[in-house]
Amino acid sequence: MEQPSVGRDGVTPDGALLLDIAGRTAAGVLVAVEADGPWHFRQPDGGLMGTTQYRNKALPRRGYRLVSVPWWEWDELHGDVECQKQYLMRLLEEAGVVSGQPTAQPGLNLTAEAA
């Protein structure tokens, strides 16, 4: 079986999805980090828009571990870089991308792609 590819220019290899940040860990785990701004959520109930729901189902089917960063949670960090790092590491741990051990961080090779 062919190993899934990261893709190029922030697009999945099949061209179906545009990614904010994509990469592969040293262990070979594909990761997609998505910054979910207000347009990803319905008003007034705050549920996910259909396109975001599709993305959240489609990326794992393409072999990616998805990490979604909701805008209001990021805003609550008030630009504190250390808090932002801790928050992202927690999300990566929850997604099963890293183990939470200090040695796991150097193996994380994510590259930002223009969205």
PDB file of N, CA and C in Angstrom:
ATOM      1  N   MET A   1       0.842  -1.180   0.000  1.00  0.00           N
ATOM      2  CA  MET A   1       0.000   0.000   0.000  1.00  0.00           C
ATOM      3  C   MET A   1       0.889   1.246   0.000  1.00  0.00           C
ATOM      4  N   GLU A   2       0.568   2.202  -0.854  1.00  0.00           N
ATOM      5  CA  GLU A   2       1.339   3.433  -0.952  1.00  0.00           C
ATOM      6  C   GLU A   2       1.072   4.315   0.258  1.00  0.00           C
ATOM      7  N   GLN A   3       2.139   4.911   0.796  1.00  0.00           N
ATOM      8  CA  GLN A   3       2.003   5.782   1.952  1.00  0.00           C
ATOM      9  C   GLN A   3       1.418   7.126   1.522  1.00  0.00           C
ATOM     10  N   PRO A   4       0.431   7.666   2.272  1.00  0.00           N
ATOM     11  CA  PRO A   4      -0.161   8.947   1.907  1.00  0.00           C
ATOM     12  C   PRO A   4       0.888  10.052   1.844  1.00  0.00           C
ATOM     13  N   SER A   5       0.668  10.975   0.927  1.00  0.00           N
ATOM     14  CA  SER A   5       1.581  12.085   0.715  1.00  0.00           C
ATOM     15  C   SER A   5       1.078  13.326   1.437  1.00  0.00           C
ATOM     16  N   VAL A   6       2.008  14.225   1.773  1.00  0.00           N
ATOM     17  CA  VAL A   6       1.644  15.486   2.406  1.00  0.00           C
ATOM     18  C   VAL A   6       0.924  16.384   1.413  1.00  0.00           C
ATOM     19  N   GLY A   7       1.285  16.345   0.165  1.00  0.00           N
ATOM     20  CA  GLY A   7       0.713  17.239  -0.837  1.00  0.00           C
ATOM     21  C   GLY A   7       1.644  18.416  -1.078  1.00  0.00           C
ATOM     22  N   ARG A   8       1.253  19.298  -1.990  1.00  0.00           N
ATOM     23  CA  ARG A   8       2.090  20.444  -2.344  1.00  0.00           C
ATOM     24  C   ARG A   8       1.275  21.717  -2.261  1.00  0.00           C
ATOM     25  N   ASP A   9       1.955  22.792  -1.914  1.00  0.00           N
ATOM     26  CA  ASP A   9       1.337  24.117  -1.896  1.00  0.00           C
ATOM     27  C   ASP A   9       0.060  24.165  -1.063  1.00  0.00           C
ATOM     28  N   GLY A  10       0.014  23.383   0.021  1.00  0.00           N
ATOM     29  CA  GLY A  10      -1.134  23.419   0.917  1.00  0.00           C
ATOM     30  C   GLY A  10      -2.362  22.714   0.392  1.00  0.00           C
ATOM     31  N   VAL A  11      -2.205  21.872  -0.615  1.00  0.00           N
ATOM     32  CA  VAL A  11      -3.333  21.149  -1.196  1.00  0.00           C
ATOM     33  C   VAL A  11      -3.095  19.656  -0.989  1.00  0.00           C
ATOM     34  N   THR A  12      -4.150  18.920  -0.657  1.00  0.00           N
ATOM     35  CA  THR A  12      -4.008  17.473  -0.539  1.00  0.00           C
ATOM     36  C   THR A  12      -3.601  16.905  -1.897  1.00  0.00           C
ATOM     37  N   PRO A  13      -2.933  15.749  -1.917  1.00  0.00           N
ATOM     38  CA  PRO A  13      -2.454  15.192  -3.178  1.00  0.00           C
ATOM     39  C   PRO A  13      -3.533  15.022  -4.249  1.00  0.00           C
ATOM     40  N   ASP A  14      -4.778  14.783  -3.834  1.00  0.00           N
ATOM     41  CA  ASP A  14      -5.858  14.630  -4.819  1.00  0.00           C
ATOM     42  C   ASP A  14      -6.449  15.972  -5.253  1.00  0.00           C
ATOM     43  N   GLY A  15      -5.960  17.075  -4.662  1.00  0.00           N
ATOM     44  CA  GLY A  15      -6.430  18.402  -5.044  1.00  0.00           C
ATOM     45  C   GLY A  15      -7.773  18.803  -4.468  1.00  0.00           C
ATOM     46  N   ALA A  16      -8.335  17.984  -3.594  1.00  0.00           N
ATOM     47  CA  ALA A  16      -9.681  18.240  -3.092  1.00  0.00           C
ATOM     48  C   ALA A  16      -9.742  19.232  -1.936  1.00  0.00           C
ATOM     49  N   LEU A  17      -8.689  19.332  -1.149  1.00  0.00           N
ATOM     50  CA  LEU A  17      -8.727  20.155   0.057  1.00  0.00           C
ATOM     51  C   LEU A  17      -7.511  21.064   0.153  1.00  0.00           C
ATOM     52  N   LEU A  18      -7.742  22.297   0.553  1.00  0.00           N
ATOM     53  CA  LEU A  18      -6.688  23.268   0.800  1.00  0.00           C
ATOM     54  C   LEU A  18      -6.396  23.272   2.296  1.00  0.00           C
ATOM     55  N   LEU A  19      -5.109  23.143   2.655  1.00  0.00           N
ATOM     56  CA  LEU A  19      -4.721  23.031   4.060  1.00  0.00           C
ATOM     57  C   LEU A  19      -4.007  24.290   4.528  1.00  0.00           C
ATOM     58  N   ASP A  20      -4.251  24.669   5.797  1.00  0.00           N
ATOM     59  CA  ASP A  20      -3.541  25.808   6.371  1.00  0.00           C
ATOM     60  C   ASP A  20      -2.093  25.431   6.658  1.00  0.00           C
ATOM     61  N   ILE A  21      -1.894  24.334   7.374  1.00  0.00           N
ATOM     62  CA  ILE A  21      -0.557  23.835   7.703  1.00  0.00           C
ATOM     63  C   ILE A  21      -0.593  22.315   7.552  1.00  0.00           C
ATOM     64  N   ALA A  22       0.403  21.781   6.873  1.00  0.00           N
ATOM     65  CA  ALA A  22       0.471  20.335   6.700  1.00  0.00           C
ATOM     66  C   ALA A  22       1.908  19.880   6.864  1.00  0.00           C
ATOM     67  N   GLY A  23       2.058  18.665   7.318  1.00  0.00           N
ATOM     68  CA  GLY A  23       3.396  18.126   7.463  1.00  0.00           C
ATOM     69  C   GLY A  23       3.363  16.676   7.868  1.00  0.00           C
ATOM     70  N   ARG A  24       4.544  16.149   8.070  1.00  0.00           N
ATOM     71  CA  ARG A  24       4.695  14.756   8.495  1.00  0.00           C
ATOM     72  C   ARG A  24       5.681  14.745   9.651  1.00  0.00           C
ATOM     73  N   THR A  25       5.358  14.031  10.705  1.00  0.00           N
ATOM     74  CA  THR A  25       6.256  13.930  11.848  1.00  0.00           C
ATOM     75  C   THR A  25       7.417  12.999  11.498  1.00  0.00           C
ATOM     76  N   ALA A  26       8.422  12.983  12.365  1.00  0.00           N
ATOM     77  CA  ALA A  26       9.566  12.084  12.174  1.00  0.00           C
ATOM     78  C   ALA A  26       9.109  10.630  12.164  1.00  0.00           C
ATOM     79  N   ALA A  27       7.999  10.353  12.848  1.00  0.00           N
ATOM     80  CA  ALA A  27       7.456   8.998  12.890  1.00  0.00           C
ATOM     81  C   ALA A  27       6.599   8.687  11.661  1.00  0.00           C
ATOM     82  N   GLY A  28       6.439   9.674  10.759  1.00  0.00           N
ATOM     83  CA  GLY A  28       5.684   9.442   9.536  1.00  0.00           C
ATOM     84  C   GLY A  28       4.208   9.766   9.617  1.00  0.00           C
ATOM     85  N   VAL A  29       3.764  10.372  10.703  1.00  0.00           N
ATOM     86  CA  VAL A  29       2.349  10.709  10.866  1.00  0.00           C
ATOM     87  C   VAL A  29       2.029  11.982  10.082  1.00  0.00           C
ATOM     88  N   LEU A  30       1.030  11.892   9.200  1.00  0.00           N
ATOM     89  CA  LEU A  30       0.570  13.069   8.469  1.00  0.00           C
ATOM     90  C   LEU A  30      -0.282  13.935   9.387  1.00  0.00           C
ATOM     91  N   VAL A  31      -0.039  15.252   9.351  1.00  0.00           N
ATOM     92  CA  VAL A  31      -0.749  16.178  10.232  1.00  0.00           C
ATOM     93  C   VAL A  31      -1.283  17.343   9.408  1.00  0.00           C
ATOM     94  N   ALA A  32      -2.512  17.724   9.677  1.00  0.00           N
ATOM     95  CA  ALA A  32      -3.081  18.946   9.110  1.00  0.00           C
ATOM     96  C   ALA A  32      -3.555  19.800  10.284  1.00  0.00           C
ATOM     97  N   VAL A  33      -3.053  21.029  10.347  1.00  0.00           N
ATOM     98  CA  VAL A  33      -3.488  21.981  11.372  1.00  0.00           C
ATOM     99  C   VAL A  33      -4.325  23.034  10.665  1.00  0.00           C
ATOM    100  N   GLU A  34      -5.562  23.188  11.113  1.00  0.00           N
ATOM    101  CA  GLU A  34      -6.496  24.112  10.488  1.00  0.00           C
ATOM    102  C   GLU A  34      -6.890  25.214  11.460  1.00  0.00           C
ATOM    103  N   ALA A  35      -6.712  26.456  11.034  1.00  0.00           N
ATOM    104  CA  ALA A  35      -7.136  27.620  11.815  1.00  0.00           C
ATOM    105  C   ALA A  35      -8.591  27.894  11.457  1.00  0.00           C
ATOM    106  N   ASP A  36      -9.485  27.615  12.382  1.00  0.00           N
ATOM    107  CA  ASP A  36     -10.918  27.751  12.127  1.00  0.00           C
ATOM    108  C   ASP A  36     -11.421  29.114  12.568  1.00  0.00           C
ATOM    109  N   GLY A  37     -11.469  30.041  11.623  1.00  0.00           N
ATOM    110  CA  GLY A  37     -11.988  31.377  11.885  1.00  0.00           C
ATOM    111  C   GLY A  37     -13.501  31.371  11.993  1.00  0.00           C
ATOM    112  N   PRO A  38     -14.101  32.531  12.236  1.00  0.00           N
ATOM    113  CA  PRO A  38     -15.551  32.628  12.443  1.00  0.00           C
ATOM    114  C   PRO A  38     -16.379  32.062  11.293  1.00  0.00           C
ATOM    115  N   TRP A  39     -15.881  32.114  10.063  1.00  0.00           N
ATOM    116  CA  TRP A  39     -16.629  31.642   8.909  1.00  0.00           C
ATOM    117  C   TRP A  39     -16.780  30.123   8.880  1.00  0.00           C
ATOM    118  N   HIS A  40     -16.099  29.404   9.767  1.00  0.00           N
ATOM    119  CA  HIS A  40     -16.248  27.947   9.852  1.00  0.00           C
ATOM    120  C   HIS A  40     -17.443  27.552  10.725  1.00  0.00           C
ATOM    121  N   PHE A  41     -18.102  28.541  11.345  1.00  0.00           N
ATOM    122  CA  PHE A  41     -19.166  28.256  12.310  1.00  0.00           C
ATOM    123  C   PHE A  41     -20.459  28.965  11.926  1.00  0.00           C
ATOM    124  N   ARG A  42     -21.573  28.233  12.084  1.00  0.00           N
ATOM    125  CA  ARG A  42     -22.900  28.789  11.785  1.00  0.00           C
ATOM    126  C   ARG A  42     -23.300  29.806  12.842  1.00  0.00           C
ATOM    127  N   GLN A  43     -24.117  30.747  12.416  1.00  0.00           N
ATOM    128  CA  GLN A  43     -24.708  31.705  13.347  1.00  0.00           C
ATOM    129  C   GLN A  43     -26.206  31.436  13.406  1.00  0.00           C
ATOM    130  N   PRO A  44     -26.867  31.465  14.500  1.00  0.00           N
ATOM    131  CA  PRO A  44     -26.366  31.867  15.810  1.00  0.00           C
ATOM    132  C   PRO A  44     -25.927  30.707  16.702  1.00  0.00           C
ATOM    133  N   ASP A  45     -26.068  29.448  16.243  1.00  0.00           N
ATOM    134  CA  ASP A  45     -25.828  28.315  17.150  1.00  0.00           C
ATOM    135  C   ASP A  45     -24.367  27.916  17.297  1.00  0.00           C
ATOM    136  N   GLY A  46     -23.468  28.378  16.417  1.00  0.00           N
ATOM    137  CA  GLY A  46     -22.050  28.071  16.552  1.00  0.00           C
ATOM    138  C   GLY A  46     -21.646  26.701  16.061  1.00  0.00           C
ATOM    139  N   GLY A  47     -22.587  25.963  15.447  1.00  0.00           N
ATOM    140  CA  GLY A  47     -22.230  24.659  14.901  1.00  0.00           C
ATOM    141  C   GLY A  47     -21.311  24.805  13.696  1.00  0.00           C
ATOM    142  N   LEU A  48     -20.662  23.728  13.330  1.00  0.00           N
ATOM    143  CA  LEU A  48     -19.746  23.770  12.185  1.00  0.00           C
ATOM    144  C   LEU A  48     -20.511  23.889  10.871  1.00  0.00           C
ATOM    145  N   MET A  49     -19.968  24.704   9.973  1.00  0.00           N
ATOM    146  CA  MET A  49     -20.521  24.817   8.625  1.00  0.00           C
ATOM    147  C   MET A  49     -20.330  23.480   7.904  1.00  0.00           C
ATOM    148  N   GLY A  50     -21.149  23.232   6.910  1.00  0.00           N
ATOM    149  CA  GLY A  50     -21.082  21.974   6.167  1.00  0.00           C
ATOM    150  C   GLY A  50     -19.735  21.713   5.533  1.00  0.00           C
ATOM    151  N   THR A  51     -19.101  22.754   4.983  1.00  0.00           N
ATOM    152  CA  THR A  51     -17.798  22.563   4.349  1.00  0.00           C
ATOM    153  C   THR A  51     -16.727  22.174   5.371  1.00  0.00           C
ATOM    154  N   THR A  52     -16.847  22.715   6.574  1.00  0.00           N
ATOM    155  CA  THR A  52     -15.889  22.372   7.637  1.00  0.00           C
ATOM    156  C   THR A  52     -16.143  20.951   8.122  1.00  0.00           C
ATOM    157  N   GLN A  53     -17.412  20.563   8.221  1.00  0.00           N
ATOM    158  CA  GLN A  53     -17.734  19.188   8.595  1.00  0.00           C
ATOM    159  C   GLN A  53     -17.161  18.210   7.565  1.00  0.00           C
ATOM    160  N   TYR A  54     -17.306  18.560   6.287  1.00  0.00           N
ATOM    161  CA  TYR A  54     -16.750  17.720   5.223  1.00  0.00           C
ATOM    162  C   TYR A  54     -15.239  17.583   5.388  1.00  0.00           C
ATOM    163  N   ARG A  55     -14.561  18.716   5.563  1.00  0.00           N
ATOM    164  CA  ARG A  55     -13.107  18.710   5.729  1.00  0.00           C
ATOM    165  C   ARG A  55     -12.700  17.818   6.905  1.00  0.00           C
ATOM    166  N   ASN A  56     -13.428  17.947   8.034  1.00  0.00           N
ATOM    167  CA  ASN A  56     -13.089  17.186   9.232  1.00  0.00           C
ATOM    168  C   ASN A  56     -13.241  15.676   9.034  1.00  0.00           C
ATOM    169  N   LYS A  57     -14.115  15.274   8.126  1.00  0.00           N
ATOM    170  CA  LYS A  57     -14.279  13.850   7.818  1.00  0.00           C
ATOM    171  C   LYS A  57     -13.310  13.412   6.722  1.00  0.00           C
ATOM    172  N   ALA A  58     -13.067  14.302   5.754  1.00  0.00           N
ATOM    173  CA  ALA A  58     -12.263  13.938   4.585  1.00  0.00           C
ATOM    174  C   ALA A  58     -10.773  13.819   4.887  1.00  0.00           C
ATOM    175  N   LEU A  59     -10.252  14.673   5.738  1.00  0.00           N
ATOM    176  CA  LEU A  59      -8.808  14.620   6.017  1.00  0.00           C
ATOM    177  C   LEU A  59      -8.384  13.299   6.665  1.00  0.00           C
ATOM    178  N   PRO A  60      -9.070  12.827   7.703  1.00  0.00           N
ATOM    179  CA  PRO A  60      -8.670  11.524   8.262  1.00  0.00           C
ATOM    180  C   PRO A  60      -8.781  10.386   7.228  1.00  0.00           C
ATOM    181  N   ARG A  61      -9.753  10.472   6.346  1.00  0.00           N
ATOM    182  CA  ARG A  61      -9.879   9.443   5.303  1.00  0.00           C
ATOM    183  C   ARG A  61      -8.699   9.468   4.336  1.00  0.00           C
ATOM    184  N   ARG A  62      -8.014  10.608   4.270  1.00  0.00           N
ATOM    185  CA  ARG A  62      -6.843  10.744   3.413  1.00  0.00           C
ATOM    186  C   ARG A  62      -5.548  10.480   4.188  1.00  0.00           C
ATOM    187  N   GLY A  63      -5.680  10.042   5.440  1.00  0.00           N
ATOM    188  CA  GLY A  63      -4.518   9.668   6.225  1.00  0.00           C
ATOM    189  C   GLY A  63      -3.974  10.746   7.146  1.00  0.00           C
ATOM    190  N   TYR A  64      -4.652  11.895   7.245  1.00  0.00           N
ATOM    191  CA  TYR A  64      -4.181  12.997   8.087  1.00  0.00           C
ATOM    192  C   TYR A  64      -4.755  12.902   9.497  1.00  0.00           C
ATOM    193  N   ARG A  65      -3.952  13.311  10.473  1.00  0.00           N
ATOM    194  CA  ARG A  65      -4.458  13.588  11.818  1.00  0.00           C
ATOM    195  C   ARG A  65      -4.804  15.069  11.796  1.00  0.00           C
ATOM    196  N   LEU A  66      -6.032  15.390  12.101  1.00  0.00           N
ATOM    197  CA  LEU A  66      -6.509  16.771  12.023  1.00  0.00           C
ATOM    198  C   LEU A  66      -6.440  17.445  13.381  1.00  0.00           C
ATOM    199  N   VAL A  67      -5.882  18.645  13.386  1.00  0.00           N
ATOM    200  CA  VAL A  67      -5.856  19.500  14.567  1.00  0.00           C
ATOM    201  C   VAL A  67      -6.561  20.791  14.172  1.00  0.00           C
ATOM    202  N   SER A  68      -7.719  21.043  14.783  1.00  0.00           N
ATOM    203  CA  SER A  68      -8.484  22.259  14.505  1.00  0.00           C
ATOM    204  C   SER A  68      -8.279  23.251  15.631  1.00  0.00           C
ATOM    205  N   VAL A  69      -8.047  24.506  15.247  1.00  0.00           N
ATOM    206  CA  VAL A  69      -7.819  25.569  16.215  1.00  0.00           C
ATOM    207  C   VAL A  69      -8.954  26.590  16.074  1.00  0.00           C
ATOM    208  N   PRO A  70      -9.983  26.509  16.937  1.00  0.00           N
ATOM    209  CA  PRO A  70     -11.085  27.469  16.858  1.00  0.00           C
ATOM    210  C   PRO A  70     -10.617  28.886  17.210  1.00  0.00           C
ATOM    211  N   TRP A  71     -11.095  29.858  16.465  1.00  0.00           N
ATOM    212  CA  TRP A  71     -10.635  31.235  16.607  1.00  0.00           C
ATOM    213  C   TRP A  71     -10.801  31.780  18.015  1.00  0.00           C
ATOM    214  N   TRP A  72     -11.930  31.464  18.691  1.00  0.00           N
ATOM    215  CA  TRP A  72     -12.170  32.049  20.013  1.00  0.00           C
ATOM    216  C   TRP A  72     -11.212  31.490  21.064  1.00  0.00           C
ATOM    217  N   GLU A  73     -10.798  30.221  20.898  1.00  0.00           N
ATOM    218  CA  GLU A  73      -9.826  29.654  21.841  1.00  0.00           C
ATOM    219  C   GLU A  73      -8.458  30.309  21.644  1.00  0.00           C
ATOM    220  N   TRP A  74      -8.075  30.545  20.376  1.00  0.00           N
ATOM    221  CA  TRP A  74      -6.794  31.196  20.090  1.00  0.00           C
ATOM    222  C   TRP A  74      -6.817  32.625  20.617  1.00  0.00           C
ATOM    223  N   ASP A  75      -7.933  33.340  20.420  1.00  0.00           N
ATOM    224  CA  ASP A  75      -8.056  34.724  20.917  1.00  0.00           C
ATOM    225  C   ASP A  75      -7.903  34.811  22.431  1.00  0.00           C
ATOM    226  N   GLU A  76      -8.391  33.798  23.135  1.00  0.00           N
ATOM    227  CA  GLU A  76      -8.317  33.806  24.598  1.00  0.00           C
ATOM    228  C   GLU A  76      -6.874  33.737  25.107  1.00  0.00           C
ATOM    229  N   LEU A  77      -5.935  33.394  24.237  1.00  0.00           N
ATOM    230  CA  LEU A  77      -4.527  33.319  24.638  1.00  0.00           C
ATOM    231  C   LEU A  77      -3.847  34.681  24.589  1.00  0.00           C
ATOM    232  N   HIS A  78      -4.514  35.678  24.035  1.00  0.00           N
ATOM    233  CA  HIS A  78      -4.069  37.080  24.037  1.00  0.00           C
ATOM    234  C   HIS A  78      -2.639  37.276  23.547  1.00  0.00           C
ATOM    235  N   GLY A  79      -2.229  36.498  22.545  1.00  0.00           N
ATOM    236  CA  GLY A  79      -0.904  36.685  21.962  1.00  0.00           C
ATOM    237  C   GLY A  79       0.254  36.196  22.811  1.00  0.00           C
ATOM    238  N   ASP A  80      -0.025  35.501  23.913  1.00  0.00           N
ATOM    239  CA  ASP A  80       1.029  34.973  24.785  1.00  0.00           C
ATOM    240  C   ASP A  80       1.659  33.764  24.092  1.00  0.00           C
ATOM    241  N   VAL A  81       2.862  33.926  23.565  1.00  0.00           N
ATOM    242  CA  VAL A  81       3.508  32.901  22.754  1.00  0.00           C
ATOM    243  C   VAL A  81       3.687  31.594  23.518  1.00  0.00           C
ATOM    244  N   GLU A  82       4.060  31.670  24.772  1.00  0.00           N
ATOM    245  CA  GLU A  82       4.254  30.447  25.555  1.00  0.00           C
ATOM    246  C   GLU A  82       2.930  29.705  25.729  1.00  0.00           C
ATOM    247  N   CYS A  83       1.861  30.435  26.001  1.00  0.00           N
ATOM    248  CA  CYS A  83       0.535  29.812  26.117  1.00  0.00           C
ATOM    249  C   CYS A  83       0.091  29.219  24.782  1.00  0.00           C
ATOM    250  N   GLN A  84       0.396  29.897  23.684  1.00  0.00           N
ATOM    251  CA  GLN A  84       0.046  29.392  22.360  1.00  0.00           C
ATOM    252  C   GLN A  84       0.772  28.078  22.075  1.00  0.00           C
ATOM    253  N   LYS A  85       2.064  28.006  22.429  1.00  0.00           N
ATOM    254  CA  LYS A  85       2.833  26.778  22.236  1.00  0.00           C
ATOM    255  C   LYS A  85       2.235  25.633  23.045  1.00  0.00           C
ATOM    256  N   GLN A  86       1.927  25.905  24.315  1.00  0.00           N
ATOM    257  CA  GLN A  86       1.356  24.877  25.183  1.00  0.00           C
ATOM    258  C   GLN A  86      -0.003  24.414  24.652  1.00  0.00           C
ATOM    259  N   TYR A  87      -0.809  25.358  24.182  1.00  0.00           N
ATOM    260  CA  TYR A  87      -2.124  25.041  23.635  1.00  0.00           C
ATOM    261  C   TYR A  87      -1.984  24.136  22.408  1.00  0.00           C
ATOM    262  N   LEU A  88      -1.097  24.507  21.482  1.00  0.00           N
ATOM    263  CA  LEU A  88      -0.907  23.701  20.279  1.00  0.00           C
ATOM    264  C   LEU A  88      -0.364  22.315  20.614  1.00  0.00           C
ATOM    265  N   MET A  89       0.568  22.235  21.552  1.00  0.00           N
ATOM    266  CA  MET A  89       1.085  20.929  21.950  1.00  0.00           C
ATOM    267  C   MET A  89      -0.016  20.054  22.548  1.00  0.00           C
ATOM    268  N   ARG A  90      -0.904  20.664  23.333  1.00  0.00           N
ATOM    269  CA  ARG A  90      -2.028  19.899  23.904  1.00  0.00           C
ATOM    270  C   ARG A  90      -2.923  19.365  22.791  1.00  0.00           C
ATOM    271  N   LEU A  91      -3.227  20.201  21.789  1.00  0.00           N
ATOM    272  CA  LEU A  91      -4.062  19.754  20.672  1.00  0.00           C
ATOM    273  C   LEU A  91      -3.374  18.643  19.876  1.00  0.00           C
ATOM    274  N   LEU A  92      -2.062  18.777  19.670  1.00  0.00           N
ATOM    275  CA  LEU A  92      -1.320  17.741  18.960  1.00  0.00           C
ATOM    276  C   LEU A  92      -1.296  16.431  19.740  1.00  0.00           C
ATOM    277  N   GLU A  93      -1.192  16.530  21.064  1.00  0.00           N
ATOM    278  CA  GLU A  93      -1.250  15.332  21.907  1.00  0.00           C
ATOM    279  C   GLU A  93      -2.624  14.683  21.815  1.00  0.00           C
ATOM    280  N   GLU A  94      -3.679  15.504  21.911  1.00  0.00           N
ATOM    281  CA  GLU A  94      -5.048  14.978  21.848  1.00  0.00           C
ATOM    282  C   GLU A  94      -5.333  14.298  20.516  1.00  0.00           C
ATOM    283  N   ALA A  95      -4.704  14.780  19.439  1.00  0.00           N
ATOM    284  CA  ALA A  95      -4.894  14.195  18.113  1.00  0.00           C
ATOM    285  C   ALA A  95      -4.012  12.962  17.896  1.00  0.00           C
ATOM    286  N   GLY A  96      -3.166  12.642  18.885  1.00  0.00           N
ATOM    287  CA  GLY A  96      -2.289  11.490  18.758  1.00  0.00           C
ATOM    288  C   GLY A  96      -1.090  11.724  17.867  1.00  0.00           C
ATOM    289  N   VAL A  97      -0.733  12.990  17.680  1.00  0.00           N
ATOM    290  CA  VAL A  97       0.402  13.336  16.826  1.00  0.00           C
ATOM    291  C   VAL A  97       1.706  13.248  17.601  1.00  0.00           C
ATOM    292  N   VAL A  98       1.704  13.708  18.834  1.00  0.00           N
ATOM    293  CA  VAL A  98       2.873  13.644  19.708  1.00  0.00           C
ATOM    294  C   VAL A  98       2.463  12.977  21.007  1.00  0.00           C
ATOM    295  N   SER A  99       3.462  12.479  21.727  1.00  0.00           N
ATOM    296  CA  SER A  99       3.181  11.712  22.940  1.00  0.00           C
ATOM    297  C   SER A  99       3.127  12.559  24.202  1.00  0.00           C
ATOM    298  N   GLY A 100       3.533  13.802  24.125  1.00  0.00           N
ATOM    299  CA  GLY A 100       3.564  14.640  25.315  1.00  0.00           C
ATOM    300  C   GLY A 100       4.898  14.614  26.017  1.00  0.00           C
ATOM    301  N   GLN A 101       5.816  13.788  25.510  1.00  0.00           N
ATOM    302  CA  GLN A 101       7.154  13.739  26.076  1.00  0.00           C
ATOM    303  C   GLN A 101       7.985  14.860  25.455  1.00  0.00           C
ATOM    304  N   PRO A 102       8.864  15.481  26.203  1.00  0.00           N
ATOM    305  CA  PRO A 102       9.682  16.572  25.665  1.00  0.00           C
ATOM    306  C   PRO A 102      10.462  16.192  24.417  1.00  0.00           C
ATOM    307  N   THR A 103      10.821  14.923  24.244  1.00  0.00           N
ATOM    308  CA  THR A 103      11.584  14.512  23.075  1.00  0.00           C
ATOM    309  C   THR A 103      10.728  14.464  21.815  1.00  0.00           C
ATOM    310  N   ALA A 104       9.412  14.531  21.948  1.00  0.00           N
ATOM    311  CA  ALA A 104       8.535  14.424  20.781  1.00  0.00           C
ATOM    312  C   ALA A 104       8.559  15.683  19.926  1.00  0.00           C
ATOM    313  N   GLN A 105       8.782  16.845  20.511  1.00  0.00           N
ATOM    314  CA  GLN A 105       8.696  18.097  19.770  1.00  0.00           C
ATOM    315  C   GLN A 105       9.699  18.216  18.632  1.00  0.00           C
ATOM    316  N   PRO A 106      10.975  17.859  18.793  1.00  0.00           N
ATOM    317  CA  PRO A 106      11.910  18.001  17.682  1.00  0.00           C
ATOM    318  C   PRO A 106      11.530  17.176  16.455  1.00  0.00           C
ATOM    319  N   GLY A 107      10.779  16.103  16.624  1.00  0.00           N
ATOM    320  CA  GLY A 107      10.369  15.278  15.495  1.00  0.00           C
ATOM    321  C   GLY A 107       9.197  15.841  14.730  1.00  0.00           C
ATOM    322  N   LEU A 108       8.675  16.955  15.151  1.00  0.00           N
ATOM    323  CA  LEU A 108       7.514  17.551  14.509  1.00  0.00           C
ATOM    324  C   LEU A 108       7.998  18.509  13.437  1.00  0.00           C
ATOM    325  N   ASN A 109       7.806  18.127  12.180  1.00  0.00           N
ATOM    326  CA  ASN A 109       8.288  18.940  11.065  1.00  0.00           C
ATOM    327  C   ASN A 109       7.116  19.422  10.236  1.00  0.00           C
ATOM    328  N   LEU A 110       6.384  20.398  10.734  1.00  0.00           N
ATOM    329  CA  LEU A 110       5.251  20.942  10.000  1.00  0.00           C
ATOM    330  C   LEU A 110       5.710  22.161   9.224  1.00  0.00           C
ATOM    331  N   THR A 111       5.192  22.300   8.024  1.00  0.00           N
ATOM    332  CA  THR A 111       5.516  23.475   7.233  1.00  0.00           C
ATOM    333  C   THR A 111       4.243  24.216   6.923  1.00  0.00           C
ATOM    334  N   ALA A 112       4.261  25.524   7.118  1.00  0.00           N
ATOM    335  CA  ALA A 112       3.096  26.342   6.807  1.00  0.00           C
ATOM    336  C   ALA A 112       2.983  26.472   5.302  1.00  0.00           C
ATOM    337  N   GLU A 113       1.798  26.339   4.808  1.00  0.00           N
ATOM    338  CA  GLU A 113       1.538  26.503   3.392  1.00  0.00           C
ATOM    339  C   GLU A 113       0.594  27.683   3.216  1.00  0.00           C
ATOM    340  N   ALA A 114       0.744  28.409   2.168  1.00  0.00           N
ATOM    341  CA  ALA A 114      -0.146  29.531   1.897  1.00  0.00           C
ATOM    342  C   ALA A 114      -1.547  29.007   1.651  1.00  0.00           C
ATOM    343  N   ALA A 115      -2.488  29.569   2.353  1.00  0.00           N
ATOM    344  CA  ALA A 115      -3.871  29.116   2.205  1.00  0.00           C
ATOM    345  C   ALA A 115      -4.655  30.092   1.357  1.00  0.00           C
TER     346      ALA A 115
END
